[in-house]
Amino acid sequence: MTDKDFKALMELAARKLEEAKTMSKKEAILSLNSAGILTKKGKFMKPYAELEKLVPPKQ
């Protein structure tokens, strides 16, 4: 990876981080679902089950 590639990747990551900061809860869940982290019902997929401990319970 060249320095130019690395810089482009870092800029992309910064843009995506800014987008994530303005996402609604529904958009965030859909994004995590499309990444294979959450099921359609909002539960963590088996490889990510440990993350359940970090999420506050629904009220």
C-alpha atoms as a PDB file:
ATOM      1  CA  MET A   1       0.000   0.000   0.000  1.00  0.00           C
ATOM      2  CA  THR A   2       1.424   3.331  -0.996  1.00  0.00           C
ATOM      3  CA  ASP A   3       1.288   6.490   1.094  1.00  0.00           C
ATOM      4  CA  LYS A   4      -1.271   7.845  -1.383  1.00  0.00           C
ATOM      5  CA  ASP A   5      -3.466   4.738  -0.899  1.00  0.00           C
ATOM      6  CA  PHE A   6      -3.132   4.998   2.862  1.00  0.00           C
ATOM      7  CA  LYS A   7      -4.109   8.674   2.842  1.00  0.00           C
ATOM      8  CA  ALA A   8      -7.164   7.942   0.671  1.00  0.00           C
ATOM      9  CA  LEU A   9      -8.200   5.132   3.013  1.00  0.00           C
ATOM     10  CA  MET A  10      -7.847   7.375   6.071  1.00  0.00           C
ATOM     11  CA  GLU A  11      -9.946  10.083   4.398  1.00  0.00           C
ATOM     12  CA  LEU A  12     -12.632   7.523   3.580  1.00  0.00           C
ATOM     13  CA  ALA A  13     -12.616   6.283   7.170  1.00  0.00           C
ATOM     14  CA  ALA A  14     -12.978   9.853   8.462  1.00  0.00           C
ATOM     15  CA  ARG A  15     -15.955  10.494   6.152  1.00  0.00           C
ATOM     16  CA  LYS A  16     -17.647   7.250   7.204  1.00  0.00           C
ATOM     17  CA  LEU A  17     -17.108   8.097  10.873  1.00  0.00           C
ATOM     18  CA  GLU A  18     -18.792  11.471  10.380  1.00  0.00           C
ATOM     19  CA  GLU A  19     -21.700   9.768   8.600  1.00  0.00           C
ATOM     20  CA  ALA A  20     -22.062   7.310  11.491  1.00  0.00           C
ATOM     21  CA  LYS A  21     -22.302  10.184  13.982  1.00  0.00           C
ATOM     22  CA  THR A  22     -25.452  11.470  12.280  1.00  0.00           C
ATOM     23  CA  MET A  23     -27.183   8.113  11.723  1.00  0.00           C
ATOM     24  CA  SER A  24     -30.546   7.415  13.253  1.00  0.00           C
ATOM     25  CA  LYS A  25     -30.920   4.301  15.395  1.00  0.00           C
ATOM     26  CA  LYS A  26     -32.744   2.572  12.542  1.00  0.00           C
ATOM     27  CA  GLU A  27     -29.984   3.448  10.050  1.00  0.00           C
ATOM     28  CA  ALA A  28     -27.328   2.193  12.462  1.00  0.00           C
ATOM     29  CA  ILE A  29     -29.123  -1.135  12.956  1.00  0.00           C
ATOM     30  CA  LEU A  30     -29.551  -1.552   9.185  1.00  0.00           C
ATOM     31  CA  SER A  31     -25.853  -0.797   8.669  1.00  0.00           C
ATOM     32  CA  LEU A  32     -24.799  -3.352  11.292  1.00  0.00           C
ATOM     33  CA  ASN A  33     -27.218  -5.849   9.769  1.00  0.00           C
ATOM     34  CA  SER A  34     -25.788  -5.394   6.276  1.00  0.00           C
ATOM     35  CA  ALA A  35     -22.294  -5.879   7.734  1.00  0.00           C
ATOM     36  CA  GLY A  36     -23.391  -9.216   9.237  1.00  0.00           C
ATOM     37  CA  ILE A  37     -23.027  -8.051  12.834  1.00  0.00           C
ATOM     38  CA  LEU A  38     -26.723  -7.938  13.762  1.00  0.00           C
ATOM     39  CA  THR A  39     -29.666 -10.098  12.758  1.00  0.00           C
ATOM     40  CA  LYS A  40     -32.773  -8.507  11.254  1.00  0.00           C
ATOM     41  CA  LYS A  41     -34.295  -8.589  14.740  1.00  0.00           C
ATOM     42  CA  GLY A  42     -31.387  -6.572  16.142  1.00  0.00           C
ATOM     43  CA  LYS A  43     -29.598  -9.412  17.945  1.00  0.00           C
ATOM     44  CA  PHE A  44     -25.847  -9.903  17.619  1.00  0.00           C
ATOM     45  CA  MET A  45     -24.696 -12.683  15.315  1.00  0.00           C
ATOM     46  CA  LYS A  46     -22.882 -15.542  17.041  1.00  0.00           C
ATOM     47  CA  PRO A  47     -19.297 -14.283  16.395  1.00  0.00           C
ATOM     48  CA  TYR A  48     -20.246 -10.935  17.974  1.00  0.00           C
ATOM     49  CA  ALA A  49     -22.280 -12.263  20.911  1.00  0.00           C
ATOM     50  CA  GLU A  50     -19.769 -10.879  23.438  1.00  0.00           C
ATOM     51  CA  LEU A  51     -20.733  -7.350  22.345  1.00  0.00           C
ATOM     52  CA  GLU A  52     -24.165  -7.909  23.901  1.00  0.00           C
ATOM     53  CA  LYS A  53     -22.525  -7.252  27.296  1.00  0.00           C
ATOM     54  CA  LEU A  54     -21.590  -3.711  26.190  1.00  0.00           C
ATOM     55  CA  VAL A  55     -25.073  -2.714  25.010  1.00  0.00           C
ATOM     56  CA  PRO A  56     -27.419  -1.335  27.668  1.00  0.00           C
ATOM     57  CA  PRO A  57     -30.676  -3.314  28.033  1.00  0.00           C
ATOM     58  CA  LYS A  58     -33.808  -1.986  26.310  1.00  0.00           C
ATOM     59  CA  GLN A  59     -36.161  -0.117  28.601  1.00  0.00           C
END
